[in-house]
Protein backbone atom coordinates (compact mmCIF):
# COMPACT_ATOMS: atom_id res chain seq x y z
CA MET A 1 -85.36 -64.91 -154.75
CA SER A 2 -85.41 -65.71 -158.89
CA ARG A 3 -85.64 -62.01 -159.20
CA PHE A 4 -82.61 -60.82 -157.02
CA LYS A 5 -80.46 -62.85 -158.44
CA ARG A 6 -81.50 -61.68 -161.95
CA VAL A 7 -80.77 -58.24 -160.68
CA LEU A 8 -77.53 -59.25 -159.32
CA ILE A 9 -76.77 -60.51 -162.67
CA ILE A 10 -77.73 -57.55 -164.39
CA VAL A 11 -75.66 -54.95 -161.57
CA GLY A 12 -72.56 -57.54 -162.10
CA SER A 13 -72.55 -57.38 -165.77
CA VAL A 14 -72.96 -53.21 -165.72
CA VAL A 15 -69.96 -52.98 -163.38
CA THR A 16 -67.88 -55.05 -165.17
CA VAL A 17 -68.53 -53.57 -168.46
CA VAL A 18 -67.73 -49.95 -166.94
CA ALA A 19 -64.47 -51.60 -165.28
CA MET A 20 -63.76 -52.51 -168.08
CA ALA A 21 -64.77 -49.53 -170.10
CA VAL A 22 -62.60 -47.43 -167.24
CA GLY A 23 -59.21 -50.13 -167.43
CA GLY A 24 -59.57 -49.82 -171.50
CA LEU A 25 -59.72 -45.84 -171.33
CA PHE A 26 -56.64 -46.00 -169.06
CA ALA A 27 -54.79 -48.14 -170.97
CA TRP A 28 -55.70 -46.39 -174.01
CA LEU A 29 -54.18 -43.02 -172.47
CA TRP A 30 -51.06 -44.73 -170.87
CA THR A 31 -50.19 -46.21 -174.15
CA GLY A 32 -50.65 -42.97 -176.15
CA ALA A 33 -48.86 -40.71 -173.53
CA ASP A 34 -45.32 -41.01 -174.36
CA VAL A 35 -44.34 -38.75 -177.44
CA SER A 36 -41.36 -39.84 -179.69
CA THR A 37 -40.07 -38.08 -182.73
CA VAL A 38 -36.74 -40.11 -182.87
CA GLY A 39 -36.06 -41.50 -186.48
CA LYS A 40 -39.74 -40.18 -187.64
CA ALA A 41 -38.52 -37.26 -190.08
CA SER A 42 -36.04 -35.82 -192.29
CA PHE A 43 -34.37 -32.96 -191.04
CA ASP A 44 -34.31 -30.76 -193.88
CA ASN A 45 -34.58 -27.26 -192.58
CA ALA A 46 -31.07 -25.30 -192.21
CA LEU A 47 -31.40 -23.89 -188.97
CA ALA A 48 -31.57 -20.46 -187.81
CA ILE A 49 -29.38 -18.61 -186.30
CA PRO A 50 -30.96 -15.49 -183.92
CA PRO A 51 -28.94 -12.56 -185.29
CA LEU A 52 -26.95 -10.54 -183.22
CA ALA A 53 -28.86 -7.34 -181.63
CA GLU A 54 -27.98 -3.79 -183.16
CA SER A 55 -26.63 -1.68 -180.69
CA THR A 56 -25.08 2.17 -180.28
CA VAL A 57 -22.77 3.67 -177.49
CA ASP A 58 -23.48 6.67 -175.93
CA LYS A 59 -20.79 8.95 -175.30
CA ASP A 60 -20.90 7.36 -171.81
CA GLY A 61 -20.20 4.55 -172.64
CA THR A 62 -23.34 3.13 -172.26
CA ARG A 63 -24.34 0.14 -174.81
CA VAL A 64 -27.96 0.70 -176.16
CA PHE A 65 -30.29 -1.92 -177.58
CA ASP A 66 -33.70 -1.93 -179.27
CA LEU A 67 -36.29 -4.38 -178.86
CA ARG A 68 -40.30 -4.25 -179.74
CA MET A 69 -42.71 -6.96 -178.94
CA ARG A 70 -44.68 -7.18 -181.74
CA ALA A 71 -47.27 -9.66 -182.98
CA GLY A 72 -47.07 -11.24 -186.66
CA GLU A 73 -47.39 -14.69 -188.82
CA THR A 74 -44.41 -17.42 -189.02
CA GLU A 75 -44.19 -19.95 -191.49
CA PHE A 76 -42.89 -23.19 -189.27
CA ASN A 77 -43.69 -25.23 -192.44
CA ALA A 78 -43.69 -23.52 -195.94
CA GLY A 79 -46.92 -21.92 -196.72
CA ARG A 80 -48.55 -22.24 -193.56
CA LYS A 81 -48.58 -19.15 -191.73
CA THR A 82 -48.81 -19.12 -187.83
CA PRO A 83 -49.90 -15.97 -185.64
CA THR A 84 -47.03 -15.49 -183.28
CA TRP A 85 -45.33 -12.94 -180.99
CA GLY A 86 -41.75 -11.81 -181.09
CA PHE A 87 -38.84 -9.12 -180.60
CA ASN A 88 -38.13 -7.06 -183.71
CA GLY A 89 -39.45 -9.91 -185.69
CA SER A 90 -42.55 -12.31 -185.83
CA TYR A 91 -40.90 -14.96 -183.34
CA LEU A 92 -38.13 -14.83 -180.84
CA GLY A 93 -35.56 -12.40 -180.23
CA PRO A 94 -31.90 -11.11 -181.23
CA THR A 95 -29.43 -11.89 -179.44
CA LEU A 96 -28.24 -9.43 -176.97
CA ARG A 97 -24.50 -9.38 -176.21
CA ALA A 98 -22.28 -7.21 -173.91
CA ALA A 99 -19.28 -7.58 -171.86
CA ARG A 100 -18.68 -7.39 -168.25
CA GLY A 101 -18.33 -3.97 -167.06
CA GLU A 102 -20.19 -2.09 -169.46
CA LYS A 103 -23.60 0.08 -168.89
CA VAL A 104 -26.42 -1.22 -170.69
CA ARG A 105 -29.74 0.21 -171.33
CA VAL A 106 -32.43 -1.19 -173.18
CA ARG A 107 -35.21 0.82 -175.10
CA ILE A 108 -38.14 -1.57 -174.90
CA ALA A 109 -41.82 -0.86 -176.44
CA ASN A 110 -44.76 -2.63 -176.68
CA GLY A 111 -46.34 -3.03 -179.32
CA LEU A 112 -48.94 -5.97 -178.37
CA ASP A 113 -52.51 -5.64 -177.43
CA GLU A 114 -51.86 -6.56 -173.82
CA ALA A 115 -49.57 -5.68 -171.10
CA SER A 116 -46.51 -7.62 -170.52
CA SER A 117 -42.92 -7.48 -169.10
CA VAL A 118 -39.15 -8.39 -169.77
CA HIS A 119 -37.23 -10.33 -167.20
CA TRP A 120 -33.59 -10.68 -167.61
CA HIS A 121 -33.25 -14.52 -166.59
CA GLY A 122 -29.77 -14.97 -164.80
CA MET A 123 -28.54 -11.21 -164.89
CA HIS A 124 -27.48 -9.41 -161.54
CA LEU A 125 -29.17 -6.02 -161.71
CA PRO A 126 -31.05 -3.39 -159.39
CA ALA A 127 -34.68 -4.74 -158.56
CA ARG A 128 -36.44 -2.21 -160.50
CA MET A 129 -34.39 -3.09 -163.49
CA ASP A 130 -35.53 -6.76 -163.56
CA GLY A 131 -38.96 -7.11 -165.58
CA GLY A 132 -40.85 -9.29 -163.45
CA PRO A 133 -44.45 -8.41 -162.82
CA HIS A 134 -43.70 -5.25 -160.94
CA GLN A 135 -42.39 -3.61 -164.11
CA MET A 136 -45.15 -3.86 -166.73
CA ILE A 137 -45.24 -2.44 -170.04
CA ALA A 138 -48.66 -1.78 -171.01
CA PRO A 139 -49.87 -2.00 -174.84
CA GLY A 140 -48.50 0.80 -176.74
CA GLY A 141 -46.12 1.95 -173.68
CA THR A 142 -42.45 1.58 -173.32
CA TRP A 143 -40.04 0.99 -170.57
CA THR A 144 -35.99 1.03 -170.52
CA PRO A 145 -33.98 -0.75 -167.70
CA HIS A 146 -30.52 0.16 -167.67
CA TRP A 147 -27.14 -1.32 -165.24
CA LYS A 148 -23.72 -1.87 -165.25
CA VAL A 149 -22.76 -5.43 -166.15
CA ASP A 150 -21.05 -6.92 -163.40
CA GLN A 151 -21.06 -10.70 -163.59
CA PRO A 152 -18.97 -13.53 -165.33
CA ALA A 153 -19.43 -14.63 -168.65
CA ALA A 154 -22.44 -16.25 -169.36
CA THR A 155 -25.18 -18.00 -171.42
CA LEU A 156 -28.33 -15.73 -169.95
CA TRP A 157 -31.71 -15.17 -171.19
CA TYR A 158 -34.50 -12.71 -171.79
CA HIS A 159 -38.63 -13.50 -171.29
CA PRO A 160 -41.61 -12.18 -170.35
CA HIS A 161 -43.03 -12.44 -166.73
CA PRO A 162 -46.78 -11.08 -166.12
CA HIS A 163 -48.11 -12.52 -163.15
CA GLY A 164 -50.59 -15.39 -164.39
CA ALA A 165 -49.79 -14.61 -168.36
CA THR A 166 -46.34 -16.13 -168.42
CA GLU A 167 -46.68 -19.05 -170.03
CA GLN A 168 -48.62 -18.22 -172.69
CA HIS A 169 -46.62 -15.13 -173.36
CA VAL A 170 -43.50 -17.24 -173.58
CA ARG A 171 -45.27 -19.95 -175.69
CA ARG A 172 -46.06 -17.51 -178.21
CA GLY A 173 -42.85 -16.28 -178.97
CA LEU A 174 -41.19 -14.19 -176.75
CA ALA A 175 -37.71 -15.12 -175.62
CA GLY A 176 -34.08 -14.42 -177.12
CA LEU A 177 -30.58 -15.14 -175.65
CA PHE A 178 -28.54 -12.56 -173.61
CA ILE A 179 -25.06 -13.49 -174.05
CA LEU A 180 -22.40 -12.32 -171.75
CA ASP A 181 -18.23 -11.75 -172.55
CA ASP A 182 -15.33 -11.04 -170.42
CA ASP A 183 -11.61 -10.91 -170.23
CA LYS A 184 -11.19 -14.44 -168.54
CA SER A 185 -13.39 -15.93 -171.20
CA ARG A 186 -12.03 -14.60 -174.51
CA ASP A 187 -8.29 -15.51 -173.06
CA LEU A 188 -9.43 -19.37 -173.37
CA ALA A 189 -9.03 -21.37 -176.21
CA LEU A 190 -13.10 -21.91 -176.52
CA PRO A 191 -15.07 -21.82 -179.73
CA GLU A 192 -16.20 -18.31 -179.98
CA ARG A 193 -17.40 -17.88 -183.77
CA TYR A 194 -21.07 -16.78 -182.87
CA GLY A 195 -22.97 -19.39 -185.51
CA VAL A 196 -20.48 -21.15 -186.90
CA ASP A 197 -18.89 -23.09 -184.30
CA ASP A 198 -20.33 -21.18 -181.18
CA LEU A 199 -24.01 -22.03 -181.38
CA PRO A 200 -27.12 -20.75 -180.00
CA VAL A 201 -29.84 -23.34 -179.80
CA ILE A 202 -33.25 -22.29 -177.85
CA VAL A 203 -35.02 -25.20 -177.40
CA GLN A 204 -38.55 -25.51 -177.40
CA ASP A 205 -41.71 -28.59 -177.69
CA VAL A 206 -44.40 -27.29 -179.82
CA ARG A 207 -47.87 -28.44 -181.02
CA PHE A 208 -50.10 -27.39 -183.72
CA ASP A 209 -53.61 -27.28 -183.93
CA GLY A 210 -54.43 -26.82 -187.76
CA VAL A 211 -52.08 -23.69 -188.45
CA LYS A 212 -52.00 -22.44 -185.04
CA LEU A 213 -49.63 -23.02 -182.37
CA ALA A 214 -51.72 -24.86 -179.62
CA GLY A 215 -52.19 -24.28 -175.87
CA GLY A 216 -54.00 -26.30 -173.91
CA HIS A 217 -53.04 -28.71 -171.23
CA LYS A 218 -54.13 -32.61 -171.99
CA ILE A 219 -55.68 -34.71 -169.82
CA MET A 220 -53.14 -35.71 -166.26
CA GLN A 221 -50.62 -33.37 -167.54
CA ASN A 222 -50.39 -31.87 -164.21
CA VAL A 223 -46.66 -30.27 -165.30
CA GLY A 224 -48.24 -28.19 -167.59
CA PHE A 225 -48.25 -27.78 -171.41
CA LEU A 226 -46.05 -30.38 -173.29
CA GLY A 227 -45.82 -30.44 -177.08
CA ASP A 228 -45.50 -33.16 -179.56
CA GLN A 229 -42.55 -31.77 -181.49
CA THR A 230 -39.44 -29.77 -180.93
CA MET A 231 -37.64 -27.14 -182.70
CA VAL A 232 -34.23 -24.72 -182.36
CA ASN A 233 -34.47 -21.15 -182.78
CA GLY A 234 -37.94 -21.11 -184.27
CA THR A 235 -36.84 -23.84 -186.76
CA LEU A 236 -38.61 -27.37 -186.96
CA ARG A 237 -36.30 -30.36 -187.81
CA PRO A 238 -33.42 -28.43 -188.09
CA TYR A 239 -29.77 -29.40 -189.31
CA LYS A 240 -26.58 -27.20 -188.97
CA GLU A 241 -23.63 -27.96 -191.16
CA VAL A 242 -20.75 -27.15 -189.62
CA GLY A 243 -17.31 -26.92 -190.50
CA ASP A 244 -14.69 -27.48 -187.48
CA GLU A 245 -13.84 -30.30 -185.19
CA LEU A 246 -15.25 -28.70 -181.61
CA ILE A 247 -18.68 -26.96 -181.51
CA ARG A 248 -20.04 -25.41 -178.71
CA VAL A 249 -23.59 -25.14 -178.31
CA ARG A 250 -25.18 -23.18 -175.82
CA LEU A 251 -28.50 -24.78 -174.81
CA LEU A 252 -31.42 -23.16 -173.61
CA ASN A 253 -34.34 -25.07 -172.67
CA ALA A 254 -36.88 -22.22 -173.65
CA SER A 255 -40.02 -24.98 -173.25
CA THR A 256 -42.94 -23.70 -170.86
CA ALA A 257 -43.02 -27.25 -168.64
CA ARG A 258 -40.59 -29.94 -170.69
CA THR A 259 -37.28 -30.98 -168.83
CA TYR A 260 -35.15 -32.40 -171.52
CA ALA A 261 -32.17 -35.02 -171.10
CA PHE A 262 -29.39 -34.24 -173.88
CA GLY A 263 -27.09 -36.65 -175.00
CA PHE A 264 -26.27 -38.36 -178.59
CA PRO A 265 -27.48 -42.00 -179.90
CA ASP A 266 -23.64 -43.55 -180.41
CA GLY A 267 -23.13 -42.32 -176.83
CA ARG A 268 -20.43 -39.77 -177.50
CA ALA A 269 -18.96 -38.30 -174.33
CA PHE A 270 -19.01 -34.38 -174.79
CA SER A 271 -17.60 -31.52 -172.46
CA LEU A 272 -19.94 -29.41 -170.00
CA ILE A 273 -17.86 -25.82 -169.87
CA ALA A 274 -21.18 -23.86 -168.70
CA THR A 275 -24.11 -23.93 -166.62
CA ASP A 276 -26.59 -20.97 -165.98
CA GLY A 277 -24.19 -18.67 -164.77
CA GLY A 278 -20.80 -19.38 -166.50
CA LEU A 279 -17.83 -21.04 -167.01
CA LEU A 280 -17.28 -24.25 -164.53
CA GLU A 281 -14.05 -24.72 -162.71
CA ARG A 282 -12.97 -27.70 -165.14
CA PRO A 283 -14.75 -29.20 -168.04
CA GLU A 284 -16.80 -32.02 -167.09
CA SER A 285 -16.95 -35.39 -169.31
CA MET A 286 -20.29 -36.72 -169.45
CA ASP A 287 -22.92 -38.19 -171.90
CA ARG A 288 -25.98 -36.27 -171.02
CA VAL A 289 -27.00 -33.37 -169.64
CA GLN A 290 -30.55 -32.79 -168.34
CA LEU A 291 -32.53 -29.59 -168.44
CA SER A 292 -35.95 -28.05 -166.85
CA PRO A 293 -36.97 -25.04 -167.89
CA GLY A 294 -34.94 -22.10 -167.71
CA GLU A 295 -31.47 -23.56 -167.51
CA ARG A 296 -28.70 -23.46 -169.63
CA ALA A 297 -25.73 -25.42 -170.33
CA GLU A 298 -22.10 -24.81 -172.69
CA ILE A 299 -21.09 -28.21 -174.10
CA VAL A 300 -18.27 -28.39 -176.54
CA VAL A 301 -18.97 -31.80 -178.92
CA ARG A 302 -16.12 -33.45 -181.11
CA MET A 303 -17.53 -33.90 -184.40
CA ARG A 304 -15.65 -36.36 -187.04
CA ALA A 305 -15.27 -35.13 -190.48
CA GLY A 306 -18.24 -36.29 -193.06
CA GLU A 307 -20.14 -37.42 -190.36
CA ARG A 308 -24.19 -36.62 -189.39
CA VAL A 309 -25.02 -36.79 -185.49
CA MET A 310 -28.29 -36.47 -183.89
CA LEU A 311 -28.86 -33.62 -180.81
CA ARG A 312 -31.49 -36.23 -178.71
CA SER A 313 -33.63 -35.79 -176.03
CA PHE A 314 -34.00 -39.21 -174.05
CA PRO A 315 -36.01 -40.81 -171.40
CA GLN A 316 -35.43 -39.39 -168.03
CA ASP A 317 -35.19 -42.69 -164.97
CA ASN A 318 -34.94 -39.38 -162.45
CA TYR A 319 -37.81 -37.81 -163.48
CA GLY A 320 -40.04 -39.49 -160.76
CA ASP A 321 -42.38 -42.49 -160.34
CA ALA A 322 -44.26 -44.36 -163.14
CA TRP A 323 -47.35 -41.75 -163.35
CA ASN A 324 -44.91 -38.68 -163.72
CA ARG A 325 -42.64 -40.45 -166.02
CA ARG A 326 -45.42 -41.22 -168.42
CA PHE A 327 -48.13 -38.27 -167.78
CA GLY A 328 -45.38 -35.97 -167.11
CA GLY A 329 -43.01 -35.87 -169.75
CA GLY A 330 -39.98 -38.04 -168.44
CA ASP A 331 -40.73 -41.28 -171.15
CA ASP A 332 -40.73 -39.07 -174.14
CA SER A 333 -37.09 -38.59 -176.66
CA PHE A 334 -37.22 -36.42 -179.26
CA ASP A 335 -34.84 -35.72 -181.86
CA VAL A 336 -33.59 -32.15 -181.80
CA LEU A 337 -30.83 -31.10 -184.22
CA GLU A 338 -29.05 -32.65 -186.77
CA LEU A 339 -25.54 -31.74 -186.78
CA ARG A 340 -23.51 -31.94 -190.78
CA ALA A 341 -19.81 -32.13 -190.26
CA ALA A 342 -18.20 -30.88 -193.70
CA GLY A 343 -15.90 -33.02 -195.72
CA GLU A 344 -12.45 -31.49 -194.28
CA LEU A 345 -12.75 -29.97 -190.95
CA ARG A 346 -10.45 -26.89 -189.77
CA PRO A 347 -8.90 -28.16 -186.46
CA SER A 348 -9.52 -26.70 -183.23
CA PRO A 349 -7.28 -26.15 -179.97
CA ALA A 350 -7.78 -28.72 -177.04
CA ILE A 351 -10.38 -27.52 -174.47
CA PRO A 352 -8.36 -26.10 -171.68
CA ALA A 353 -7.68 -28.23 -168.83
CA ALA A 354 -9.13 -25.51 -166.49
CA LEU A 355 -11.38 -22.51 -166.89
CA GLY A 356 -11.34 -20.61 -163.90
CA GLU A 357 -12.38 -19.87 -160.58
CA LEU A 358 -16.33 -19.53 -159.38
CA GLU A 359 -17.59 -16.40 -158.39
CA ALA A 360 -20.69 -18.29 -156.75
CA PRO A 361 -20.80 -18.55 -152.86
CA ASP A 362 -20.01 -22.24 -151.05
CA GLY A 363 -21.99 -21.22 -148.17
CA LYS A 364 -19.55 -21.28 -145.56
CA ASP A 365 -19.64 -17.91 -143.79
CA ALA A 366 -23.65 -18.47 -144.41
CA VAL A 367 -25.40 -15.91 -141.69
CA ARG A 368 -28.32 -18.09 -141.64
CA GLY A 369 -30.59 -20.57 -143.45
CA ARG A 370 -34.31 -20.35 -144.79
CA TYR A 371 -36.60 -23.38 -145.99
CA PHE A 372 -38.02 -23.55 -149.02
CA ASP A 373 -41.29 -26.69 -149.48
CA LEU A 374 -42.47 -26.93 -152.96
CA LYS A 375 -46.12 -27.74 -154.20
CA ARG A 376 -48.38 -26.56 -156.75
CA SER A 377 -50.62 -24.94 -154.17
CA GLY A 378 -47.61 -22.79 -153.61
CA ILE A 379 -44.02 -22.35 -151.78
CA ASN A 380 -44.29 -23.17 -147.77
CA GLY A 381 -48.07 -23.32 -148.25
CA ARG A 382 -48.35 -20.09 -149.48
CA SER A 383 -49.89 -18.71 -153.01
CA MET A 384 -48.30 -15.55 -154.65
CA VAL A 385 -49.48 -12.41 -153.66
CA MET A 386 -48.35 -9.15 -155.44
CA ASP A 387 -48.24 -6.91 -152.52
CA ARG A 388 -46.65 -9.56 -150.08
CA VAL A 389 -43.36 -9.92 -149.48
CA ASP A 390 -42.24 -13.29 -148.26
CA GLU A 391 -38.90 -12.66 -147.41
CA THR A 392 -35.96 -9.96 -146.40
CA VAL A 393 -32.38 -10.73 -146.77
CA THR A 394 -29.47 -8.26 -145.78
CA ARG A 395 -27.19 -7.00 -148.43
CA GLY A 396 -23.86 -8.28 -148.64
CA THR A 397 -24.76 -11.63 -147.00
CA THR A 398 -24.67 -15.32 -147.83
CA GLU A 399 -27.41 -17.15 -147.08
CA VAL A 400 -27.98 -21.14 -147.55
CA TRP A 401 -31.56 -21.90 -148.56
CA THR A 402 -32.83 -25.62 -148.59
CA VAL A 403 -35.64 -26.48 -151.30
CA ARG A 404 -37.50 -29.66 -150.98
CA ASN A 405 -39.89 -30.98 -152.94
CA SER A 406 -42.15 -33.92 -151.31
CA ASN A 407 -45.03 -32.90 -153.75
CA GLY A 408 -45.29 -35.89 -155.92
CA MET A 409 -44.81 -33.84 -159.25
CA PRO A 410 -41.44 -32.49 -160.87
CA HIS A 411 -40.74 -29.08 -159.83
CA ASN A 412 -37.77 -26.67 -160.50
CA PHE A 413 -36.75 -23.60 -158.61
CA HIS A 414 -35.41 -19.92 -160.13
CA VAL A 415 -34.05 -17.56 -158.04
CA HIS A 416 -33.70 -14.12 -159.52
CA ASP A 417 -30.95 -11.51 -159.34
CA VAL A 418 -28.09 -14.32 -158.13
CA GLN A 419 -26.23 -17.07 -159.29
CA PHE A 420 -26.11 -19.86 -156.63
CA ARG A 421 -23.92 -22.61 -156.01
CA VAL A 422 -25.79 -26.20 -155.05
CA SER A 423 -24.12 -27.51 -152.14
CA GLU A 424 -25.86 -30.63 -151.73
CA VAL A 425 -28.53 -32.74 -153.55
CA ASN A 426 -30.06 -35.31 -150.84
CA GLY A 427 -27.48 -34.86 -148.14
CA GLU A 428 -24.83 -35.33 -150.61
CA ALA A 429 -22.17 -33.66 -152.88
CA PRO A 430 -23.76 -32.26 -156.09
CA PRO A 431 -23.29 -34.08 -159.74
CA ALA A 432 -20.94 -32.50 -161.89
CA ALA A 433 -23.96 -30.64 -163.86
CA LEU A 434 -24.52 -29.04 -160.57
CA ARG A 435 -21.31 -27.82 -159.78
CA GLY A 436 -21.21 -24.99 -161.82
CA PRO A 437 -22.86 -21.01 -160.94
CA LYS A 438 -26.85 -21.89 -161.18
CA ASP A 439 -29.69 -19.82 -160.94
CA THR A 440 -32.29 -22.59 -161.56
CA VAL A 441 -32.46 -26.16 -160.42
CA PHE A 442 -34.88 -29.22 -161.47
CA LEU A 443 -36.23 -30.93 -158.46
CA PRO A 444 -37.79 -34.20 -158.93
CA ASN A 445 -40.78 -35.63 -156.08
CA GLY A 446 -38.48 -36.42 -153.41
CA THR A 447 -35.44 -34.27 -153.45
CA THR A 448 -33.88 -31.71 -151.40
CA MET A 449 -31.38 -29.41 -152.25
CA LYS A 450 -28.70 -26.96 -150.16
CA LEU A 451 -28.50 -23.85 -152.20
CA ALA A 452 -25.92 -21.14 -151.30
CA LEU A 453 -26.79 -17.24 -152.38
CA ARG A 454 -24.77 -14.36 -151.56
CA PHE A 455 -26.92 -10.62 -151.63
CA THR A 456 -24.73 -8.24 -153.31
CA GLY A 457 -27.55 -5.59 -153.77
CA PRO A 458 -27.98 -2.52 -154.67
CA ALA A 459 -30.67 -2.70 -151.48
CA ASP A 460 -34.27 -1.68 -152.41
CA PRO A 461 -36.82 -1.95 -149.99
CA ASP A 462 -39.60 -1.07 -152.36
CA THR A 463 -39.05 -3.19 -154.45
CA PRO A 464 -38.95 -7.43 -154.54
CA TYR A 465 -37.40 -9.84 -156.74
CA MET A 466 -38.75 -13.47 -157.48
CA TYR A 467 -38.17 -16.90 -156.62
CA HIS A 468 -40.40 -19.20 -158.13
CA CYS A 469 -40.79 -22.75 -160.00
CA HIS A 470 -40.25 -22.12 -163.58
CA LEU A 471 -42.57 -24.79 -164.92
CA LEU A 472 -44.49 -21.78 -166.05
CA TYR A 473 -48.07 -22.92 -165.39
CA HIS A 474 -47.33 -23.30 -161.88
CA GLU A 475 -45.80 -20.35 -161.79
CA ASP A 476 -49.11 -18.77 -163.03
CA GLU A 477 -51.26 -20.58 -160.50
CA GLY A 478 -48.96 -18.75 -157.92
CA MET A 479 -46.00 -21.06 -157.09
CA MET A 480 -44.32 -18.31 -156.51
CA GLY A 481 -42.64 -15.92 -153.30
CA GLN A 482 -40.85 -12.45 -153.61
CA PHE A 483 -37.90 -11.32 -151.62
CA VAL A 484 -36.42 -7.88 -151.26
CA VAL A 485 -32.49 -6.50 -150.22
CA VAL A 486 -32.76 -4.04 -147.54
CA ASP A 487 -29.46 -2.74 -145.97
CA LYS A 488 -28.60 -3.07 -142.32
CA GLY A 489 -31.45 -2.10 -140.24
CA GLN A 490 -33.62 -1.12 -143.21
CA ARG A 491 -37.37 -2.70 -143.27
CA ALA A 492 -38.94 -3.59 -146.03
CA HIS A 493 -42.02 -2.73 -147.59
CA ALA A 494 -45.46 -3.44 -149.30
CA PRO A 495 -44.97 -3.63 -153.24
CA SER A 496 -45.95 -1.06 -155.84
CA GLN A 497 -46.65 -1.84 -159.35
CA GLN A 498 -44.21 0.12 -161.71
CA THR A 499 -46.08 -0.01 -165.10
CA GLY A 500 -44.28 1.73 -168.23
CA ARG A 501 -46.85 4.20 -169.42
CA SER A 502 -48.24 4.69 -173.14
CA GLY A 503 -46.10 7.01 -175.20
CA HIS A 504 -42.66 7.64 -175.52
CA GLU A 505 -41.52 8.20 -171.97
CA HIS A 506 -38.45 9.18 -171.01
CA GLU A 507 -35.59 6.59 -170.48
CA HIS A 508 -34.66 7.18 -167.22
CA GLU A 509 -38.14 7.92 -165.92
CA HIS A 510 -38.66 4.21 -164.95
CA GLY A 511 -34.76 3.80 -163.78
């Protein structure tokens, strides 16, 4: 009995020590999981403004751009060269700009040593021009998509979309803005001088491993890669000197997994004027705007002469439970961009009270509904398969898609080709930030949204568009599906790969 007691005491002691060690490890992981850069660094680097892409105009009026994907080195920190990828440069790419009604052609060359693609996120265009995983460009190959711009003024963007490798291609630096203009937006009294009072703000989170960009996922970070600092337009700790009373900020969340809640430390209100697909019906006053990966927002902020104000990302109460907030980035906070106002500011006209009518459908004429259950293992219980069409829609019709996340972690949902309208969030009318045209929405666990979508074609039974989670780690794991647009009576066909070839292929060959 004495020996048995000693064994029990020893076993009990071991269990206690192990439990304390595990508890201590968890406490260490918990307390070290949240990240904050607030007030910890001087913002002393002038904000880089992506150049407007040069273009030519053909005899038939087509605007032609040239993009080349290439590897290079970028000095994010002075004297330290980091291997990166970019378009027409070492990191990120130029801002493409075109107007509604214009025909555009983009000649793309792949100077990388692996295949990639270029997807026009938010653009309404034929499926063969979409730049998804079926339009891959081989190393040394070219691809020349062309289409007519037929949608309202908006802040869109372009990025790679190779199946299974999108996260690493975007994280390395392949991304850029594509701004659309139209006559209605030009007639509005809004800040419009690019890089002066109309600022492109491409936000990414990064983490450095020596001089290299780190890319691993830390323990318990099931949303994907989360960095420990942010940069804007490839600039760490950026500031921008401004000289106008009103500044328009075109926000793009180009991070691969992190969601931000943008605002200002003094709680000042700003005007939300546009979401993913363009202008709202009227400006909405708010002090926070939440953007998950892929989402855009245009805000107008009023400056006071001589002040310095920080654009900040704040912790997010709606991100999920305590576990997801702590390990998925919801508790994190970042100083993002310092705006420095001149001693005297140029007066700006008041923001118009009305901005226009939405072209996104309201769903009242929907011909059918579909349901999408979001899980990390796949959508509607199915992981992405390249040669399987998941949904077939009829050109010219409106549908209502119900999207639900009950997966216990954050997700979002992006649909190619269309700009939709959010009609319901958990059975209620959407908040102000979701009332504009959207192509990507954030769905924390326990969220159900109804989206109204109209499919205007053109019909192509052979080539699919994608819908997927835009947390790119989830997308790469297979959280994606495919739909085709067909004319009434047509049937979808199994998709085939359309790969740009090596050499200088004819511009229209893959159009």
